[in-house]
Amino acid sequence: MLIGEYEHSIDAKGRLIMPAKLRIDMGDKFIVTKGLDGCLFAFSQNEWLNFETKLKTLPLSDKNARNFVRFFLSGATECEIDKQGRFLLPNNLRLAANLEKEAVIIRSRNKTRNLG
């Protein structure tokens, strides 16, 4: 079981190190999007597909459901791990989570990672 909390610095270019233990689980490419409570959520590619499938089941006739889907999809971006284990965290997501120089990566339920 992958659990824990990992503190890392964000470099001047907006790159953040993905902890080695989580890199294996996440894969070389993964999705990061705005999350709840001022955090960001990170999903492996398979987890993202499952999450998108669940979002598609929400009723289009419900304004709250549409806003919920928009919230997650509007900020979603594919990130790729470089040879040093870093990934670029786009500025819009850093701003959404109020991340400047430090970030904490937390292994959370359903294999999502909270970045905040």
N, C-alpha and C. Protein backbone atom coordinates (compact mmCIF):
# COMPACT_ATOMS: atom_id res chain seq x y z
N MET A 1 0.84 -1.18 0.00
CA MET A 1 0.00 0.00 0.00
C MET A 1 0.89 1.24 0.00
N LEU A 2 0.59 2.15 -0.89
CA LEU A 2 1.33 3.41 -0.96
C LEU A 2 0.62 4.43 -0.09
N ILE A 3 1.30 4.88 0.95
CA ILE A 3 0.75 5.89 1.82
C ILE A 3 1.84 6.90 2.12
N GLY A 4 1.47 8.01 2.68
CA GLY A 4 2.47 8.96 3.11
C GLY A 4 2.24 10.36 2.65
N GLU A 5 3.15 11.20 3.12
CA GLU A 5 3.15 12.62 2.82
C GLU A 5 4.57 13.00 2.43
N TYR A 6 4.70 13.71 1.30
CA TYR A 6 6.01 14.02 0.76
C TYR A 6 6.10 15.52 0.52
N GLU A 7 7.08 16.18 1.12
CA GLU A 7 7.27 17.62 0.95
C GLU A 7 8.37 17.85 -0.09
N HIS A 8 8.09 18.73 -1.04
CA HIS A 8 9.05 19.05 -2.09
C HIS A 8 8.96 20.53 -2.44
N SER A 9 10.06 21.05 -2.96
CA SER A 9 10.10 22.43 -3.43
C SER A 9 9.69 22.49 -4.90
N ILE A 10 9.09 23.59 -5.26
CA ILE A 10 8.77 23.87 -6.66
C ILE A 10 9.88 24.76 -7.18
N ASP A 11 10.51 24.37 -8.29
CA ASP A 11 11.63 25.17 -8.79
C ASP A 11 11.12 26.40 -9.54
N ALA A 12 12.04 27.24 -9.98
CA ALA A 12 11.71 28.51 -10.63
C ALA A 12 10.91 28.32 -11.92
N LYS A 13 11.02 27.15 -12.55
CA LYS A 13 10.29 26.88 -13.79
C LYS A 13 8.92 26.23 -13.52
N GLY A 14 8.59 26.02 -12.25
CA GLY A 14 7.30 25.43 -11.91
C GLY A 14 7.31 23.91 -11.90
N ARG A 15 8.50 23.31 -11.78
CA ARG A 15 8.60 21.85 -11.76
C ARG A 15 8.62 21.34 -10.33
N LEU A 16 8.03 20.18 -10.16
CA LEU A 16 7.91 19.54 -8.86
C LEU A 16 8.35 18.09 -9.00
N ILE A 17 9.03 17.57 -8.00
CA ILE A 17 9.46 16.17 -8.03
C ILE A 17 8.30 15.28 -7.61
N MET A 18 8.05 14.24 -8.39
CA MET A 18 7.09 13.21 -8.01
C MET A 18 7.87 12.18 -7.20
N PRO A 19 7.46 11.92 -5.96
CA PRO A 19 8.18 10.95 -5.13
C PRO A 19 8.35 9.61 -5.86
N ALA A 20 9.53 9.01 -5.70
CA ALA A 20 9.85 7.76 -6.41
C ALA A 20 8.81 6.68 -6.15
N LYS A 21 8.33 6.57 -4.92
CA LYS A 21 7.33 5.55 -4.60
C LYS A 21 6.04 5.74 -5.38
N LEU A 22 5.70 6.98 -5.67
CA LEU A 22 4.46 7.27 -6.39
C LEU A 22 4.66 7.23 -7.90
N ARG A 23 5.89 7.47 -8.36
CA ARG A 23 6.16 7.46 -9.81
C ARG A 23 5.77 6.14 -10.45
N ILE A 24 6.06 5.05 -9.79
CA ILE A 24 5.74 3.72 -10.33
C ILE A 24 4.24 3.58 -10.48
N ASP A 25 3.50 4.04 -9.49
CA ASP A 25 2.04 3.93 -9.50
C ASP A 25 1.40 4.88 -10.51
N MET A 26 1.97 6.07 -10.68
CA MET A 26 1.39 7.08 -11.56
C MET A 26 1.72 6.85 -13.02
N GLY A 27 2.88 6.31 -13.31
CA GLY A 27 3.31 6.16 -14.69
C GLY A 27 4.05 7.41 -15.15
N ASP A 28 4.55 7.36 -16.38
CA ASP A 28 5.31 8.50 -16.93
C ASP A 28 4.45 9.70 -17.26
N LYS A 29 3.18 9.46 -17.56
CA LYS A 29 2.23 10.53 -17.86
C LYS A 29 1.01 10.37 -16.97
N PHE A 30 0.51 11.49 -16.47
CA PHE A 30 -0.65 11.46 -15.60
C PHE A 30 -1.39 12.78 -15.73
N ILE A 31 -2.55 12.86 -15.12
CA ILE A 31 -3.40 14.05 -15.22
C ILE A 31 -3.44 14.75 -13.87
N VAL A 32 -3.27 16.08 -13.90
CA VAL A 32 -3.44 16.91 -12.71
C VAL A 32 -4.55 17.90 -13.00
N THR A 33 -5.43 18.11 -12.02
CA THR A 33 -6.52 19.05 -12.18
C THR A 33 -6.81 19.73 -10.86
N LYS A 34 -7.64 20.77 -10.92
CA LYS A 34 -8.07 21.42 -9.69
C LYS A 34 -8.82 20.39 -8.86
N GLY A 35 -8.58 20.43 -7.55
CA GLY A 35 -9.27 19.52 -6.64
C GLY A 35 -10.11 20.31 -5.67
N LEU A 36 -10.52 19.65 -4.64
CA LEU A 36 -11.36 20.28 -3.62
C LEU A 36 -10.49 20.82 -2.49
N ASP A 37 -11.03 21.74 -1.73
CA ASP A 37 -10.38 22.29 -0.54
C ASP A 37 -9.04 22.95 -0.84
N GLY A 38 -8.90 23.55 -2.02
CA GLY A 38 -7.67 24.26 -2.36
C GLY A 38 -6.52 23.36 -2.74
N CYS A 39 -6.79 22.10 -2.99
CA CYS A 39 -5.76 21.14 -3.39
C CYS A 39 -5.85 20.89 -4.89
N LEU A 40 -4.85 20.21 -5.41
CA LEU A 40 -4.89 19.68 -6.76
C LEU A 40 -5.02 18.17 -6.65
N PHE A 41 -5.65 17.55 -7.63
CA PHE A 41 -5.75 16.10 -7.68
C PHE A 41 -4.92 15.60 -8.85
N ALA A 42 -4.22 14.52 -8.63
CA ALA A 42 -3.44 13.87 -9.70
C ALA A 42 -3.95 12.45 -9.87
N PHE A 43 -4.12 12.05 -11.13
CA PHE A 43 -4.65 10.74 -11.47
C PHE A 43 -3.73 10.06 -12.46
N SER A 44 -3.53 8.76 -12.30
CA SER A 44 -2.86 8.02 -13.37
C SER A 44 -3.79 8.07 -14.58
N GLN A 45 -3.30 7.69 -15.74
CA GLN A 45 -4.13 7.73 -16.96
C GLN A 45 -5.39 6.86 -16.80
N ASN A 46 -5.23 5.65 -16.25
CA ASN A 46 -6.38 4.77 -16.07
C ASN A 46 -7.37 5.33 -15.06
N GLU A 47 -6.86 5.88 -13.97
CA GLU A 47 -7.74 6.47 -12.96
C GLU A 47 -8.50 7.66 -13.54
N TRP A 48 -7.84 8.44 -14.38
CA TRP A 48 -8.50 9.59 -15.00
C TRP A 48 -9.64 9.13 -15.90
N LEU A 49 -9.41 8.10 -16.69
CA LEU A 49 -10.47 7.57 -17.55
C LEU A 49 -11.67 7.12 -16.73
N ASN A 50 -11.40 6.46 -15.60
CA ASN A 50 -12.50 6.04 -14.71
C ASN A 50 -13.23 7.24 -14.14
N PHE A 51 -12.47 8.26 -13.74
CA PHE A 51 -13.07 9.48 -13.19
C PHE A 51 -13.92 10.19 -14.23
N GLU A 52 -13.41 10.29 -15.46
CA GLU A 52 -14.18 10.92 -16.55
C GLU A 52 -15.47 10.15 -16.82
N THR A 53 -15.39 8.85 -16.78
CA THR A 53 -16.58 8.01 -16.99
C THR A 53 -17.63 8.33 -15.94
N LYS A 54 -17.22 8.49 -14.69
CA LYS A 54 -18.16 8.83 -13.63
C LYS A 54 -18.75 10.22 -13.84
N LEU A 55 -17.91 11.16 -14.28
CA LEU A 55 -18.41 12.51 -14.54
C LEU A 55 -19.46 12.51 -15.64
N LYS A 56 -19.29 11.64 -16.65
CA LYS A 56 -20.23 11.57 -17.77
C LYS A 56 -21.60 11.06 -17.35
N THR A 57 -21.69 10.41 -16.20
CA THR A 57 -22.98 9.90 -15.74
C THR A 57 -23.82 10.97 -15.06
N LEU A 58 -23.22 12.11 -14.75
CA LEU A 58 -23.97 13.18 -14.09
C LEU A 58 -24.94 13.82 -15.08
N PRO A 59 -26.12 14.19 -14.61
CA PRO A 59 -27.15 14.71 -15.52
C PRO A 59 -26.83 16.10 -16.06
N LEU A 60 -26.89 16.25 -17.37
CA LEU A 60 -26.66 17.54 -18.00
C LEU A 60 -27.73 18.56 -17.64
N SER A 61 -28.89 18.07 -17.23
CA SER A 61 -30.00 18.97 -16.90
C SER A 61 -29.82 19.62 -15.52
N ASP A 62 -28.86 19.16 -14.75
CA ASP A 62 -28.62 19.69 -13.41
C ASP A 62 -27.47 20.70 -13.44
N LYS A 63 -27.78 21.96 -13.12
CA LYS A 63 -26.77 23.02 -13.18
C LYS A 63 -25.59 22.72 -12.25
N ASN A 64 -25.84 22.22 -11.05
CA ASN A 64 -24.76 21.90 -10.12
C ASN A 64 -23.85 20.81 -10.68
N ALA A 65 -24.44 19.84 -11.33
CA ALA A 65 -23.66 18.76 -11.94
C ALA A 65 -22.79 19.31 -13.06
N ARG A 66 -23.34 20.19 -13.89
CA ARG A 66 -22.57 20.80 -14.98
C ARG A 66 -21.40 21.60 -14.42
N ASN A 67 -21.64 22.37 -13.37
CA ASN A 67 -20.57 23.16 -12.75
C ASN A 67 -19.50 22.25 -12.15
N PHE A 68 -19.91 21.15 -11.55
CA PHE A 68 -18.98 20.19 -10.97
C PHE A 68 -18.07 19.61 -12.04
N VAL A 69 -18.66 19.20 -13.16
CA VAL A 69 -17.88 18.64 -14.27
C VAL A 69 -16.93 19.69 -14.84
N ARG A 70 -17.45 20.90 -15.06
CA ARG A 70 -16.63 21.99 -15.58
C ARG A 70 -15.44 22.28 -14.69
N PHE A 71 -15.66 22.25 -13.39
CA PHE A 71 -14.60 22.54 -12.42
C PHE A 71 -13.41 21.59 -12.62
N PHE A 72 -13.69 20.31 -12.71
CA PHE A 72 -12.61 19.34 -12.84
C PHE A 72 -11.98 19.32 -14.23
N LEU A 73 -12.80 19.41 -15.26
CA LEU A 73 -12.28 19.29 -16.62
C LEU A 73 -11.56 20.55 -17.09
N SER A 74 -11.98 21.72 -16.63
CA SER A 74 -11.39 22.96 -17.13
C SER A 74 -9.92 23.11 -16.77
N GLY A 75 -9.52 22.59 -15.65
CA GLY A 75 -8.13 22.73 -15.24
C GLY A 75 -7.26 21.52 -15.53
N ALA A 76 -7.85 20.48 -16.07
CA ALA A 76 -7.11 19.22 -16.26
C ALA A 76 -6.00 19.38 -17.29
N THR A 77 -4.85 18.84 -16.96
CA THR A 77 -3.72 18.87 -17.88
C THR A 77 -2.90 17.60 -17.73
N GLU A 78 -2.35 17.15 -18.83
CA GLU A 78 -1.49 15.96 -18.80
C GLU A 78 -0.08 16.40 -18.43
N CYS A 79 0.50 15.73 -17.46
CA CYS A 79 1.87 16.00 -17.02
C CYS A 79 2.73 14.80 -17.34
N GLU A 80 4.00 15.06 -17.57
CA GLU A 80 4.94 14.00 -17.92
C GLU A 80 6.17 14.11 -17.02
N ILE A 81 6.60 12.97 -16.50
CA ILE A 81 7.77 12.90 -15.64
C ILE A 81 9.03 12.97 -16.51
N ASP A 82 9.98 13.84 -16.14
CA ASP A 82 11.25 13.89 -16.88
C ASP A 82 12.25 12.91 -16.27
N LYS A 83 13.45 12.89 -16.80
CA LYS A 83 14.47 11.92 -16.35
C LYS A 83 14.90 12.14 -14.90
N GLN A 84 14.68 13.34 -14.36
CA GLN A 84 15.02 13.63 -12.97
C GLN A 84 13.84 13.40 -12.02
N GLY A 85 12.73 12.89 -12.55
CA GLY A 85 11.56 12.61 -11.72
C GLY A 85 10.68 13.82 -11.46
N ARG A 86 10.87 14.88 -12.27
CA ARG A 86 10.10 16.11 -12.10
C ARG A 86 8.99 16.18 -13.14
N PHE A 87 8.00 17.00 -12.83
CA PHE A 87 6.96 17.32 -13.81
C PHE A 87 6.63 18.79 -13.69
N LEU A 88 6.21 19.38 -14.80
CA LEU A 88 5.84 20.78 -14.84
C LEU A 88 4.41 20.94 -14.34
N LEU A 89 4.24 21.73 -13.31
CA LEU A 89 2.92 22.03 -12.78
C LEU A 89 2.51 23.38 -13.37
N PRO A 90 1.55 23.39 -14.29
CA PRO A 90 1.19 24.63 -14.98
C PRO A 90 0.81 25.76 -14.01
N ASN A 91 1.09 26.97 -14.43
CA ASN A 91 0.84 28.15 -13.61
C ASN A 91 -0.61 28.23 -13.15
N ASN A 92 -1.56 27.94 -14.03
CA ASN A 92 -2.97 28.06 -13.63
C ASN A 92 -3.30 27.11 -12.47
N LEU A 93 -2.67 25.94 -12.44
CA LEU A 93 -2.92 25.01 -11.34
C LEU A 93 -2.17 25.43 -10.08
N ARG A 94 -0.97 25.97 -10.24
CA ARG A 94 -0.25 26.48 -9.07
C ARG A 94 -1.04 27.61 -8.41
N LEU A 95 -1.62 28.48 -9.24
CA LEU A 95 -2.43 29.57 -8.71
C LEU A 95 -3.69 29.04 -8.03
N ALA A 96 -4.33 28.06 -8.62
CA ALA A 96 -5.57 27.49 -8.06
C ALA A 96 -5.34 26.90 -6.67
N ALA A 97 -4.15 26.34 -6.45
CA ALA A 97 -3.83 25.72 -5.16
C ALA A 97 -2.95 26.61 -4.29
N ASN A 98 -2.72 27.85 -4.74
CA ASN A 98 -1.89 28.80 -4.00
C ASN A 98 -0.51 28.21 -3.70
N LEU A 99 0.10 27.57 -4.69
CA LEU A 99 1.42 26.97 -4.55
C LEU A 99 2.46 27.93 -5.12
N GLU A 100 3.48 28.22 -4.33
CA GLU A 100 4.55 29.10 -4.79
C GLU A 100 5.89 28.40 -4.77
N LYS A 101 6.37 28.04 -3.59
CA LYS A 101 7.71 27.46 -3.49
C LYS A 101 7.71 26.05 -2.92
N GLU A 102 6.70 25.70 -2.15
CA GLU A 102 6.65 24.41 -1.49
C GLU A 102 5.33 23.71 -1.81
N ALA A 103 5.39 22.39 -1.85
CA ALA A 103 4.19 21.59 -2.06
C ALA A 103 4.29 20.32 -1.24
N VAL A 104 3.16 19.81 -0.83
CA VAL A 104 3.08 18.53 -0.13
C VAL A 104 2.25 17.61 -1.01
N ILE A 105 2.80 16.44 -1.31
CA ILE A 105 2.09 15.44 -2.09
C ILE A 105 1.62 14.36 -1.12
N ILE A 106 0.33 14.11 -1.13
CA ILE A 106 -0.27 13.16 -0.20
C ILE A 106 -0.95 12.05 -0.99
N ARG A 107 -0.65 10.83 -0.64
CA ARG A 107 -1.33 9.67 -1.24
C ARG A 107 -2.68 9.56 -0.56
N SER A 108 -3.73 9.64 -1.34
CA SER A 108 -5.07 9.67 -0.79
C SER A 108 -5.90 8.52 -1.32
N ARG A 109 -7.14 8.46 -0.95
CA ARG A 109 -8.02 7.37 -1.36
C ARG A 109 -8.19 7.32 -2.87
N ASN A 110 -8.66 6.22 -3.34
CA ASN A 110 -8.89 5.98 -4.77
C ASN A 110 -7.68 6.28 -5.62
N LYS A 111 -6.51 6.18 -5.03
CA LYS A 111 -5.24 6.35 -5.72
C LYS A 111 -5.04 7.75 -6.27
N THR A 112 -5.84 8.72 -5.85
CA THR A 112 -5.56 10.09 -6.27
C THR A 112 -4.48 10.66 -5.37
N ARG A 113 -3.76 11.62 -5.85
CA ARG A 113 -2.74 12.29 -5.07
C ARG A 113 -3.16 13.73 -4.90
N ASN A 114 -3.17 14.19 -3.69
CA ASN A 114 -3.48 15.59 -3.44
C ASN A 114 -2.19 16.38 -3.43
N LEU A 115 -2.16 17.46 -4.17
CA LEU A 115 -1.02 18.35 -4.19
C LEU A 115 -1.49 19.65 -3.57
N GLY A 116 -0.87 20.05 -2.52
CA GLY A 116 -1.32 21.28 -1.89
C GLY A 116 -0.30 21.80 -0.92
